[in-house]
Amino acid sequence: FIESSDTSIQQSIISHNVEIYSNVLPWLQHHKIPFIFTSSYVQFSETPYGAVKRLGEQWIMQMKDLGKIVRLWNVYGPERSAVEGNPSTGNAKGHVISDWISQCTQK
């Protein structure tokens, strides 16, 4: 989804996030409600998702200490194992949410 080369998907990512920002952030500011904005390490990338995360972070920084930014790393994604003898090729934490959901649904 995030890595899709389909332009309509990328435009959808941007427009939906901007719509959320423009509705939720002013409301939080008006009501002076502290919050945490969960960004992503991907905000450093030159992708539409990275751009929209940078936009969100910039918006939060203008809100005078009301919001805090947290950049999450390796929270969701498929499990990838290390190639023989090279742990850097794996992503042991790239499936944190998937593992949690799986554990919650086990009897």
Protein backbone atom coordinates (compact mmCIF):
# COMPACT_ATOMS: atom_id res chain seq x y z
CA PHE A 1 0.00 0.00 0.00
CA ILE A 2 2.56 2.61 1.08
CA GLU A 3 5.08 1.38 -1.47
CA SER A 4 2.55 1.12 -4.31
CA SER A 5 3.53 2.72 -7.60
CA ASP A 6 -0.15 3.33 -8.41
CA THR A 7 -0.59 7.12 -8.54
CA SER A 8 -4.20 6.97 -7.38
CA ILE A 9 -3.18 5.05 -4.25
CA GLN A 10 -0.44 7.58 -3.49
CA GLN A 11 -2.85 10.49 -4.01
CA SER A 12 -5.35 8.76 -1.75
CA ILE A 13 -2.73 8.41 1.01
CA ILE A 14 -2.00 12.12 0.83
CA SER A 15 -5.60 13.34 0.59
CA HIS A 16 -6.89 11.13 3.40
CA ASN A 17 -4.10 12.11 5.76
CA VAL A 18 -4.47 15.82 4.98
CA GLU A 19 -8.23 15.54 5.54
CA ILE A 20 -7.62 13.92 8.93
CA TYR A 21 -5.04 16.55 9.87
CA SER A 22 -7.28 19.44 8.83
CA ASN A 23 -10.24 18.12 10.84
CA VAL A 24 -8.65 16.61 13.94
CA LEU A 25 -5.67 18.86 14.68
CA PRO A 26 -7.61 22.17 14.80
CA TRP A 27 -10.22 20.50 17.01
CA LEU A 28 -7.54 19.28 19.43
CA GLN A 29 -5.98 22.73 19.46
CA HIS A 30 -9.30 24.50 20.00
CA HIS A 31 -10.12 22.25 22.97
CA LYS A 32 -6.51 22.33 24.25
CA ILE A 33 -6.32 18.54 24.34
CA PRO A 34 -2.77 17.16 24.63
CA PHE A 35 -2.01 14.32 22.24
CA ILE A 36 0.70 12.14 20.74
CA PHE A 37 1.19 12.18 16.98
CA THR A 38 2.55 8.84 15.82
CA SER A 39 4.78 9.49 12.90
CA SER A 40 7.16 7.10 11.20
CA TYR A 41 10.80 6.71 10.39
CA VAL A 42 9.54 6.73 6.79
CA GLN A 43 9.06 10.51 7.11
CA PHE A 44 12.67 10.76 5.98
CA SER A 45 11.83 9.10 2.65
CA GLU A 46 11.02 10.89 -0.58
CA THR A 47 7.64 9.22 -0.92
CA PRO A 48 4.10 10.57 -0.65
CA TYR A 49 3.75 8.80 2.71
CA GLY A 50 7.00 10.36 3.92
CA ALA A 51 5.86 13.78 2.72
CA VAL A 52 2.52 13.54 4.49
CA LYS A 53 4.23 12.44 7.72
CA ARG A 54 6.61 15.43 7.45
CA LEU A 55 3.59 17.68 6.92
CA GLY A 56 1.93 16.26 10.04
CA GLU A 57 5.07 16.75 12.10
CA GLN A 58 5.43 20.36 10.92
CA TRP A 59 1.79 21.02 11.77
CA ILE A 60 2.26 19.56 15.27
CA MET A 61 5.38 21.68 15.85
CA GLN A 62 3.30 24.81 15.23
CA MET A 63 0.82 23.85 17.96
CA LYS A 64 2.89 25.23 20.88
CA ASP A 65 3.70 22.09 22.90
CA LEU A 66 0.19 20.67 22.74
CA GLY A 67 1.21 17.65 20.68
CA LYS A 68 4.20 15.36 21.02
CA ILE A 69 5.70 13.51 18.06
CA VAL A 70 6.75 9.88 18.33
CA ARG A 71 8.43 8.18 15.37
CA LEU A 72 7.72 4.48 15.36
CA TRP A 73 10.08 2.00 13.78
CA ASN A 74 9.35 -1.54 12.59
CA VAL A 75 5.84 -1.70 13.97
CA TYR A 76 4.05 -3.45 11.16
CA GLY A 77 5.09 -5.52 8.22
CA PRO A 78 5.77 -9.07 7.13
CA GLU A 79 8.19 -11.15 9.10
CA ARG A 80 11.54 -11.50 7.40
CA SER A 81 14.17 -13.88 8.65
CA ALA A 82 17.86 -13.27 8.52
CA VAL A 83 19.72 -14.83 5.62
CA GLU A 84 22.15 -17.43 6.90
CA GLY A 85 24.68 -15.85 9.20
CA ASN A 86 23.74 -12.26 8.40
CA PRO A 87 21.32 -10.82 10.96
CA SER A 88 21.26 -7.45 9.18
CA THR A 89 19.22 -9.00 6.34
CA GLY A 90 16.36 -9.86 8.65
CA ASN A 91 13.79 -7.74 10.42
CA ALA A 92 13.04 -9.43 13.73
CA LYS A 93 10.85 -6.55 14.91
CA GLY A 94 9.09 -5.78 11.63
CA HIS A 95 6.06 -7.74 12.65
CA VAL A 96 5.34 -6.45 16.15
CA ILE A 97 1.63 -5.73 15.59
CA SER A 98 1.09 -8.92 13.58
CA ASP A 99 2.62 -10.96 16.42
CA TRP A 100 0.53 -9.14 19.03
CA ILE A 101 -2.72 -9.75 17.11
CA SER A 102 -1.78 -13.39 16.64
CA GLN A 103 -1.07 -13.80 20.37
CA CYS A 104 -4.34 -12.07 21.30
CA THR A 105 -6.39 -14.38 19.12
CA GLN A 106 -4.77 -17.61 20.31
CA LYS A 107 -6.65 -19.64 22.89
